[in-house]
N, C-alpha and C. Protein backbone atom coordinates (compact mmCIF):
# COMPACT_ATOMS: atom_id res chain seq x y z
N MET A 1 202.65 -10.10 -112.88
CA MET A 1 203.63 -11.07 -113.35
C MET A 1 203.10 -11.74 -114.62
N ALA A 2 203.91 -11.77 -115.64
CA ALA A 2 203.51 -12.33 -116.93
C ALA A 2 203.54 -13.86 -116.87
N VAL A 3 202.60 -14.47 -117.55
CA VAL A 3 202.53 -15.93 -117.64
C VAL A 3 203.47 -16.38 -118.75
N SER A 4 204.27 -17.40 -118.48
CA SER A 4 205.18 -17.93 -119.50
C SER A 4 204.40 -18.74 -120.52
N TYR A 5 204.93 -18.76 -121.72
CA TYR A 5 204.33 -19.56 -122.79
C TYR A 5 204.84 -21.00 -122.66
N TYR A 6 203.94 -21.95 -122.77
CA TYR A 6 204.30 -23.36 -122.78
C TYR A 6 203.87 -23.96 -124.12
N PRO A 7 204.73 -24.73 -124.76
CA PRO A 7 204.33 -25.37 -126.02
C PRO A 7 203.15 -26.31 -125.79
N PRO A 8 202.32 -26.50 -126.80
CA PRO A 8 201.15 -27.38 -126.63
C PRO A 8 201.56 -28.84 -126.46
N VAL A 9 200.68 -29.59 -125.83
CA VAL A 9 200.90 -31.03 -125.67
C VAL A 9 200.42 -31.75 -126.93
N GLY A 10 201.02 -32.88 -127.21
CA GLY A 10 200.72 -33.60 -128.44
C GLY A 10 199.67 -34.68 -128.31
N PHE A 11 198.97 -34.76 -127.18
CA PHE A 11 198.00 -35.83 -127.03
C PHE A 11 196.55 -35.37 -127.20
N HIS A 12 196.33 -34.10 -127.43
CA HIS A 12 194.97 -33.57 -127.57
C HIS A 12 194.76 -33.12 -129.02
N PHE A 13 194.21 -34.01 -129.83
CA PHE A 13 194.04 -33.73 -131.25
C PHE A 13 192.79 -34.44 -131.76
N LYS A 14 192.37 -34.04 -132.96
CA LYS A 14 191.27 -34.75 -133.62
C LYS A 14 191.58 -34.85 -135.10
N VAL A 15 190.98 -35.85 -135.72
CA VAL A 15 191.15 -36.10 -137.15
C VAL A 15 189.77 -36.10 -137.78
N GLU A 16 189.62 -35.41 -138.90
CA GLU A 16 188.35 -35.37 -139.61
C GLU A 16 188.56 -35.77 -141.07
N PHE A 17 187.60 -36.54 -141.59
CA PHE A 17 187.65 -37.00 -142.97
C PHE A 17 186.44 -36.44 -143.71
N GLU A 18 186.67 -35.95 -144.89
CA GLU A 18 185.57 -35.49 -145.74
C GLU A 18 184.63 -36.66 -146.03
N ASP A 19 183.34 -36.46 -145.88
CA ASP A 19 182.30 -37.45 -146.18
C ASP A 19 182.28 -38.65 -145.24
N ILE A 20 182.99 -38.62 -144.14
CA ILE A 20 182.92 -39.69 -143.14
C ILE A 20 182.46 -39.03 -141.84
N ASN A 21 181.26 -39.36 -141.42
CA ASN A 21 180.62 -38.65 -140.32
C ASN A 21 180.56 -39.43 -139.01
N SER A 22 181.12 -40.61 -138.96
CA SER A 22 181.08 -41.42 -137.76
C SER A 22 181.97 -40.81 -136.68
N LYS A 23 181.44 -40.59 -135.48
CA LYS A 23 182.22 -40.04 -134.37
C LYS A 23 183.33 -40.99 -133.94
N ASP A 24 183.15 -42.29 -134.15
CA ASP A 24 184.19 -43.26 -133.78
C ASP A 24 185.39 -43.20 -134.74
N ASP A 25 185.16 -42.79 -135.97
CA ASP A 25 186.23 -42.78 -136.97
C ASP A 25 187.18 -41.58 -136.84
N ILE A 26 186.99 -40.73 -135.85
CA ILE A 26 187.88 -39.59 -135.68
C ILE A 26 188.83 -39.77 -134.50
N ARG A 27 188.74 -40.88 -133.81
CA ARG A 27 189.56 -41.12 -132.62
C ARG A 27 190.78 -41.98 -132.97
N PHE A 28 191.95 -41.45 -132.67
CA PHE A 28 193.19 -42.16 -132.98
C PHE A 28 194.15 -42.09 -131.81
N GLN A 29 194.96 -43.11 -131.70
CA GLN A 29 195.97 -43.21 -130.64
C GLN A 29 197.18 -42.35 -130.98
N SER A 30 197.61 -42.39 -132.25
CA SER A 30 198.79 -41.62 -132.63
C SER A 30 198.73 -41.27 -134.12
N ILE A 31 199.46 -40.22 -134.43
CA ILE A 31 199.59 -39.74 -135.80
C ILE A 31 201.07 -39.52 -136.07
N SER A 32 201.52 -39.94 -137.24
CA SER A 32 202.89 -39.65 -137.64
C SER A 32 202.91 -39.37 -139.14
N GLY A 33 204.04 -38.90 -139.61
CA GLY A 33 204.19 -38.62 -141.03
C GLY A 33 203.79 -37.21 -141.42
N ILE A 34 203.59 -36.33 -140.45
CA ILE A 34 203.28 -34.93 -140.79
C ILE A 34 204.61 -34.25 -141.07
N ASN A 35 205.11 -34.47 -142.28
CA ASN A 35 206.42 -33.96 -142.69
C ASN A 35 206.34 -33.41 -144.10
N MET A 36 207.08 -32.35 -144.32
CA MET A 36 207.27 -31.88 -145.68
C MET A 36 208.71 -31.40 -145.79
N SER A 37 209.29 -31.59 -146.95
CA SER A 37 210.67 -31.18 -147.16
C SER A 37 210.89 -30.89 -148.64
N VAL A 38 212.02 -30.27 -148.92
CA VAL A 38 212.48 -30.08 -150.29
C VAL A 38 213.79 -30.86 -150.37
N PRO A 39 213.69 -32.16 -150.68
CA PRO A 39 214.86 -33.03 -150.56
C PRO A 39 215.88 -32.88 -151.69
N ASN A 40 215.47 -32.36 -152.82
CA ASN A 40 216.38 -32.30 -153.95
C ASN A 40 216.57 -30.87 -154.42
N SER A 41 217.75 -30.61 -154.97
CA SER A 41 218.01 -29.32 -155.57
C SER A 41 218.67 -29.53 -156.93
N GLU A 42 218.57 -28.52 -157.71
CA GLU A 42 219.14 -28.56 -159.06
C GLU A 42 220.29 -27.57 -159.08
N THR A 43 221.39 -27.93 -159.72
CA THR A 43 222.52 -27.00 -159.81
C THR A 43 222.49 -26.30 -161.16
N TYR A 44 222.91 -25.05 -161.12
CA TYR A 44 222.93 -24.23 -162.34
C TYR A 44 224.27 -23.50 -162.38
N GLN A 45 224.98 -23.65 -163.47
CA GLN A 45 226.27 -22.99 -163.63
C GLN A 45 226.07 -21.71 -164.45
N GLU A 46 226.38 -20.61 -163.81
CA GLU A 46 226.24 -19.31 -164.47
C GLU A 46 227.51 -19.02 -165.26
N GLY A 47 227.35 -18.61 -166.49
CA GLY A 47 228.50 -18.28 -167.33
C GLY A 47 229.29 -17.11 -166.74
N GLY A 48 230.61 -17.25 -166.63
CA GLY A 48 231.46 -16.19 -166.10
C GLY A 48 231.63 -16.25 -164.59
N GLU A 49 230.79 -17.01 -163.90
CA GLU A 49 230.91 -17.16 -162.44
C GLU A 49 231.59 -18.49 -162.15
N ASN A 50 232.84 -18.45 -161.73
CA ASN A 50 233.61 -19.67 -161.50
C ASN A 50 233.77 -20.02 -160.03
N ARG A 51 233.31 -19.15 -159.11
CA ARG A 51 233.48 -19.40 -157.68
C ARG A 51 232.48 -20.41 -157.14
N PHE A 52 231.31 -20.52 -157.73
CA PHE A 52 230.27 -21.40 -157.20
C PHE A 52 229.26 -21.72 -158.28
N THR A 53 228.42 -22.72 -158.01
CA THR A 53 227.26 -23.00 -158.84
C THR A 53 226.01 -22.69 -158.01
N HIS A 54 224.98 -22.24 -158.67
CA HIS A 54 223.73 -21.94 -157.98
C HIS A 54 223.01 -23.26 -157.66
N ARG A 55 222.43 -23.33 -156.49
CA ARG A 55 221.61 -24.49 -156.11
C ARG A 55 220.18 -24.01 -155.98
N LEU A 56 219.29 -24.59 -156.77
CA LEU A 56 217.89 -24.17 -156.81
C LEU A 56 216.99 -25.28 -156.26
N PRO A 57 216.02 -24.94 -155.42
CA PRO A 57 215.14 -25.97 -154.86
C PRO A 57 214.22 -26.56 -155.91
N GLN A 58 213.95 -27.85 -155.76
CA GLN A 58 212.95 -28.50 -156.61
C GLN A 58 211.67 -28.66 -155.82
N ARG A 59 210.76 -29.50 -156.26
CA ARG A 59 209.44 -29.66 -155.64
C ARG A 59 209.51 -30.16 -154.20
N ALA A 60 208.47 -29.78 -153.46
CA ALA A 60 208.33 -30.27 -152.09
C ALA A 60 207.95 -31.75 -152.10
N SER A 61 208.31 -32.43 -151.03
CA SER A 61 208.02 -33.85 -150.89
C SER A 61 207.30 -34.05 -149.56
N PHE A 62 206.35 -35.00 -149.53
CA PHE A 62 205.54 -35.25 -148.34
C PHE A 62 205.59 -36.73 -147.99
N ASP A 63 205.75 -37.03 -146.70
CA ASP A 63 205.67 -38.41 -146.24
C ASP A 63 204.20 -38.84 -146.19
N ASN A 64 203.96 -40.14 -146.13
CA ASN A 64 202.60 -40.63 -145.94
C ASN A 64 202.11 -40.29 -144.54
N LEU A 65 200.82 -40.02 -144.42
CA LEU A 65 200.18 -39.77 -143.15
C LEU A 65 199.82 -41.12 -142.54
N VAL A 66 200.25 -41.38 -141.31
CA VAL A 66 200.05 -42.68 -140.66
C VAL A 66 199.24 -42.46 -139.38
N LEU A 67 198.09 -43.15 -139.27
CA LEU A 67 197.21 -43.04 -138.12
C LEU A 67 197.06 -44.41 -137.46
N LYS A 68 197.12 -44.44 -136.12
CA LYS A 68 196.96 -45.70 -135.38
C LYS A 68 195.81 -45.55 -134.40
N ARG A 69 195.08 -46.66 -134.22
CA ARG A 69 193.97 -46.68 -133.27
C ARG A 69 193.62 -48.11 -132.91
N GLY A 70 192.77 -48.26 -131.90
CA GLY A 70 192.20 -49.56 -131.60
C GLY A 70 191.28 -49.96 -132.74
N MET A 71 191.32 -51.23 -133.11
CA MET A 71 190.53 -51.69 -134.25
C MET A 71 189.04 -51.39 -134.03
N LEU A 72 188.41 -50.89 -135.08
CA LEU A 72 187.00 -50.50 -135.01
C LEU A 72 186.21 -51.36 -135.99
N ILE A 73 185.20 -52.07 -135.47
CA ILE A 73 184.35 -52.92 -136.31
C ILE A 73 183.22 -52.05 -136.88
N GLY A 74 182.93 -52.20 -138.17
CA GLY A 74 181.87 -51.43 -138.81
C GLY A 74 182.28 -50.01 -139.14
N SER A 75 183.55 -49.77 -139.38
CA SER A 75 184.08 -48.44 -139.61
C SER A 75 183.83 -47.95 -141.04
N GLN A 76 183.36 -46.70 -141.17
CA GLN A 76 183.22 -46.07 -142.49
C GLN A 76 184.59 -45.86 -143.13
N LEU A 77 185.58 -45.56 -142.31
CA LEU A 77 186.95 -45.36 -142.81
C LEU A 77 187.48 -46.65 -143.44
N ILE A 78 187.28 -47.77 -142.78
CA ILE A 78 187.77 -49.04 -143.33
C ILE A 78 186.96 -49.45 -144.56
N ALA A 79 185.69 -49.06 -144.62
CA ALA A 79 184.90 -49.30 -145.85
C ALA A 79 185.52 -48.55 -147.02
N TRP A 80 185.99 -47.32 -146.77
CA TRP A 80 186.68 -46.54 -147.81
C TRP A 80 187.96 -47.25 -148.22
N PHE A 81 188.69 -47.81 -147.26
CA PHE A 81 189.89 -48.57 -147.56
C PHE A 81 189.59 -49.79 -148.41
N LYS A 82 188.53 -50.52 -148.04
CA LYS A 82 188.17 -51.72 -148.80
C LYS A 82 187.83 -51.38 -150.24
N ASP A 83 187.08 -50.30 -150.45
CA ASP A 83 186.77 -49.88 -151.82
C ASP A 83 188.03 -49.60 -152.61
N ALA A 84 189.00 -48.95 -151.97
CA ALA A 84 190.23 -48.58 -152.66
C ALA A 84 191.15 -49.78 -152.87
N LEU A 85 191.43 -50.51 -151.80
CA LEU A 85 192.45 -51.55 -151.88
C LEU A 85 191.95 -52.88 -152.44
N GLU A 86 190.68 -53.21 -152.21
CA GLU A 86 190.14 -54.45 -152.75
C GLU A 86 189.44 -54.24 -154.09
N GLY A 87 188.73 -53.13 -154.22
CA GLY A 87 188.00 -52.86 -155.46
C GLY A 87 188.71 -51.93 -156.42
N PHE A 88 189.86 -51.39 -155.99
CA PHE A 88 190.65 -50.43 -156.77
C PHE A 88 189.78 -49.26 -157.24
N LYS A 89 188.90 -48.80 -156.35
CA LYS A 89 188.05 -47.63 -156.59
C LYS A 89 188.52 -46.53 -155.66
N PHE A 90 189.41 -45.68 -156.15
CA PHE A 90 190.00 -44.63 -155.33
C PHE A 90 189.14 -43.38 -155.39
N ASN A 91 188.77 -42.88 -154.20
CA ASN A 91 187.96 -41.68 -154.06
C ASN A 91 188.71 -40.75 -153.10
N PRO A 92 189.60 -39.88 -153.62
CA PRO A 92 190.39 -39.02 -152.73
C PRO A 92 189.51 -38.11 -151.87
N LYS A 93 189.96 -37.89 -150.63
CA LYS A 93 189.22 -37.08 -149.68
C LYS A 93 190.16 -36.08 -149.00
N LEU A 94 189.56 -35.09 -148.39
CA LEU A 94 190.27 -34.11 -147.58
C LEU A 94 190.37 -34.67 -146.16
N ILE A 95 191.57 -34.64 -145.57
CA ILE A 95 191.78 -35.06 -144.18
C ILE A 95 192.32 -33.85 -143.43
N THR A 96 191.73 -33.58 -142.26
CA THR A 96 192.17 -32.46 -141.43
C THR A 96 192.58 -32.98 -140.05
N VAL A 97 193.78 -32.64 -139.63
CA VAL A 97 194.28 -32.96 -138.30
C VAL A 97 194.36 -31.65 -137.53
N THR A 98 193.71 -31.59 -136.36
CA THR A 98 193.67 -30.36 -135.56
C THR A 98 194.28 -30.62 -134.19
N LEU A 99 195.26 -29.81 -133.83
CA LEU A 99 195.85 -29.85 -132.49
C LEU A 99 195.03 -28.92 -131.60
N MET A 100 194.63 -29.42 -130.43
CA MET A 100 193.76 -28.66 -129.53
C MET A 100 194.51 -28.23 -128.27
N ASN A 101 194.04 -27.14 -127.65
CA ASN A 101 194.59 -26.72 -126.36
C ASN A 101 193.79 -27.36 -125.23
N PRO A 102 194.18 -27.17 -123.96
CA PRO A 102 193.43 -27.80 -122.85
C PRO A 102 191.97 -27.37 -122.76
N SER A 103 191.62 -26.22 -123.34
CA SER A 103 190.23 -25.75 -123.34
C SER A 103 189.44 -26.27 -124.54
N HIS A 104 190.00 -27.22 -125.27
CA HIS A 104 189.39 -27.84 -126.45
C HIS A 104 189.24 -26.87 -127.62
N GLU A 105 190.06 -25.82 -127.65
CA GLU A 105 190.06 -24.87 -128.76
C GLU A 105 191.15 -25.27 -129.73
N PRO A 106 190.91 -25.14 -131.03
CA PRO A 106 191.93 -25.51 -132.01
C PRO A 106 193.11 -24.53 -131.99
N LEU A 107 194.32 -25.08 -132.08
CA LEU A 107 195.53 -24.26 -132.14
C LEU A 107 196.12 -24.22 -133.54
N GLU A 108 196.31 -25.38 -134.11
CA GLU A 108 196.91 -25.53 -135.45
C GLU A 108 196.15 -26.60 -136.20
N GLN A 109 196.17 -26.48 -137.51
CA GLN A 109 195.55 -27.50 -138.36
C GLN A 109 196.51 -27.88 -139.46
N TRP A 110 196.48 -29.15 -139.82
CA TRP A 110 197.19 -29.65 -140.98
C TRP A 110 196.13 -30.23 -141.90
N VAL A 111 196.06 -29.71 -143.11
CA VAL A 111 195.04 -30.13 -144.07
C VAL A 111 195.75 -30.89 -145.18
N PHE A 112 195.27 -32.12 -145.42
CA PHE A 112 195.86 -33.00 -146.42
C PHE A 112 194.88 -33.09 -147.58
N TYR A 113 195.30 -32.63 -148.75
CA TYR A 113 194.43 -32.53 -149.91
C TYR A 113 194.53 -33.76 -150.80
N LYS A 114 193.37 -34.21 -151.27
CA LYS A 114 193.26 -35.36 -152.18
C LYS A 114 194.00 -36.58 -151.64
N ALA A 115 193.67 -36.93 -150.40
CA ALA A 115 194.29 -38.09 -149.75
C ALA A 115 193.57 -39.37 -150.18
N TRP A 116 194.34 -40.43 -150.32
CA TRP A 116 193.78 -41.74 -150.65
C TRP A 116 194.50 -42.80 -149.83
N PRO A 117 193.79 -43.88 -149.49
CA PRO A 117 194.39 -44.93 -148.66
C PRO A 117 195.44 -45.73 -149.42
N THR A 118 196.55 -46.00 -148.75
CA THR A 118 197.62 -46.79 -149.38
C THR A 118 197.95 -48.06 -148.62
N LYS A 119 197.65 -48.10 -147.30
CA LYS A 119 198.05 -49.27 -146.53
C LYS A 119 197.18 -49.39 -145.28
N TRP A 120 196.84 -50.62 -144.93
CA TRP A 120 196.12 -50.93 -143.69
C TRP A 120 196.74 -52.18 -143.11
N ASN A 121 197.00 -52.19 -141.82
CA ASN A 121 197.49 -53.42 -141.19
C ASN A 121 197.13 -53.43 -139.70
N THR A 122 197.21 -54.60 -139.11
CA THR A 122 197.04 -54.74 -137.66
C THR A 122 198.38 -55.14 -137.08
N ASP A 123 198.54 -54.90 -135.78
CA ASP A 123 199.79 -55.27 -135.10
C ASP A 123 199.87 -56.76 -134.84
N GLY A 124 198.80 -57.48 -135.15
CA GLY A 124 198.81 -58.92 -134.94
C GLY A 124 198.06 -59.31 -133.68
N PHE A 125 197.93 -60.61 -133.50
CA PHE A 125 197.19 -61.16 -132.36
C PHE A 125 198.16 -61.98 -131.52
N ASP A 126 198.01 -61.93 -130.19
CA ASP A 126 198.88 -62.68 -129.30
C ASP A 126 198.04 -63.15 -128.12
N ALA A 127 197.86 -64.49 -128.00
CA ALA A 127 197.02 -65.06 -126.96
C ALA A 127 197.61 -64.88 -125.56
N GLU A 128 198.90 -64.56 -125.47
CA GLU A 128 199.54 -64.39 -124.16
C GLU A 128 199.44 -62.97 -123.62
N LYS A 129 198.93 -62.05 -124.41
CA LYS A 129 198.82 -60.66 -123.97
C LYS A 129 197.35 -60.25 -123.98
N GLY A 130 196.99 -59.39 -123.09
CA GLY A 130 195.61 -58.89 -123.04
C GLY A 130 195.47 -57.54 -123.73
N ALA A 131 196.27 -57.30 -124.76
CA ALA A 131 196.28 -56.00 -125.43
C ALA A 131 195.16 -55.91 -126.46
N ILE A 132 194.70 -54.68 -126.69
CA ILE A 132 193.70 -54.49 -127.74
C ILE A 132 194.38 -54.59 -129.10
N VAL A 133 193.60 -54.86 -130.13
CA VAL A 133 194.11 -54.95 -131.49
C VAL A 133 194.27 -53.53 -132.03
N ILE A 134 195.47 -53.20 -132.46
CA ILE A 134 195.77 -51.88 -133.01
C ILE A 134 195.81 -51.99 -134.53
N GLU A 135 195.07 -51.10 -135.20
CA GLU A 135 195.14 -51.04 -136.65
C GLU A 135 195.83 -49.75 -137.06
N THR A 136 196.59 -49.85 -138.13
CA THR A 136 197.32 -48.71 -138.68
C THR A 136 196.80 -48.46 -140.08
N VAL A 137 196.46 -47.20 -140.34
CA VAL A 137 196.00 -46.81 -141.67
C VAL A 137 196.96 -45.75 -142.20
N GLU A 138 197.26 -45.85 -143.48
CA GLU A 138 198.25 -44.97 -144.08
C GLU A 138 197.67 -44.33 -145.33
N PHE A 139 197.99 -43.05 -145.52
CA PHE A 139 197.44 -42.28 -146.64
C PHE A 139 198.55 -41.56 -147.40
N SER A 140 198.42 -41.52 -148.71
CA SER A 140 199.20 -40.62 -149.55
C SER A 140 198.29 -39.45 -149.88
N TYR A 141 198.87 -38.36 -150.29
CA TYR A 141 198.08 -37.18 -150.61
C TYR A 141 198.87 -36.30 -151.56
N GLN A 142 198.16 -35.37 -152.21
CA GLN A 142 198.82 -34.48 -153.17
C GLN A 142 199.72 -33.48 -152.47
N TYR A 143 199.17 -32.77 -151.51
CA TYR A 143 199.97 -31.81 -150.75
C TYR A 143 199.26 -31.50 -149.44
N MET A 144 199.98 -30.80 -148.55
CA MET A 144 199.41 -30.45 -147.26
C MET A 144 199.68 -28.98 -146.97
N GLU A 145 198.80 -28.41 -146.13
CA GLU A 145 198.98 -27.04 -145.66
C GLU A 145 198.92 -27.04 -144.14
N ARG A 146 199.75 -26.25 -143.53
CA ARG A 146 199.70 -26.04 -142.08
C ARG A 146 199.05 -24.69 -141.84
N LYS A 147 197.99 -24.69 -141.04
CA LYS A 147 197.24 -23.46 -140.79
C LYS A 147 197.25 -23.13 -139.31
N GLU A 148 197.74 -21.93 -138.99
CA GLU A 148 197.71 -21.46 -137.61
C GLU A 148 196.33 -20.89 -137.34
N ILE A 149 195.69 -21.37 -136.28
CA ILE A 149 194.34 -20.93 -135.97
C ILE A 149 194.33 -20.00 -134.78
N PHE A 150 194.94 -20.41 -133.69
CA PHE A 150 194.93 -19.65 -132.44
C PHE A 150 196.16 -18.77 -132.44
N LYS A 151 196.00 -17.46 -132.60
CA LYS A 151 197.13 -16.57 -132.77
C LYS A 151 197.56 -15.84 -131.50
N GLN A 152 196.75 -15.81 -130.49
CA GLN A 152 197.05 -15.02 -129.30
C GLN A 152 197.81 -15.86 -128.28
N LEU A 153 198.99 -15.41 -127.92
CA LEU A 153 199.77 -16.06 -126.88
C LEU A 153 199.31 -15.55 -125.52
N PRO A 154 199.35 -16.40 -124.50
CA PRO A 154 198.98 -15.93 -123.16
C PRO A 154 199.90 -14.82 -122.69
N THR A 155 199.35 -13.87 -121.94
CA THR A 155 200.19 -12.77 -121.42
C THR A 155 200.31 -12.84 -119.93
């Protein structure tokens, strides 16, 4: 009897930053903004063709990469943010997001090239709740690639 294929779960992932080696800086609660689209097109009217105009795609567009986690004191990642946002010293880095299977093997990777920090915030403090402080970090980047790593489907 053949085993059915099940899509991967979205809670087993890791994030890696070029030149940031802290094991604590790779743990995140959630990731969003892994999107790419071609939102605009250009129209071209061909001489002699009156039934339609050609629609041609323009450049790809990418949303910002948004990562959330419990606030980390002494973070190398936040030091990079401080250099960029307070000192206006931008040092673009490679960011890799890897989706893992239950055996901790990589399935897919999203590689973000020349990423730089654009926004950092906390969800705020509330004396009536016993919640941890969540920080959100946001990155812009030049472009991204999606790489399939694990090619064999279960049989």
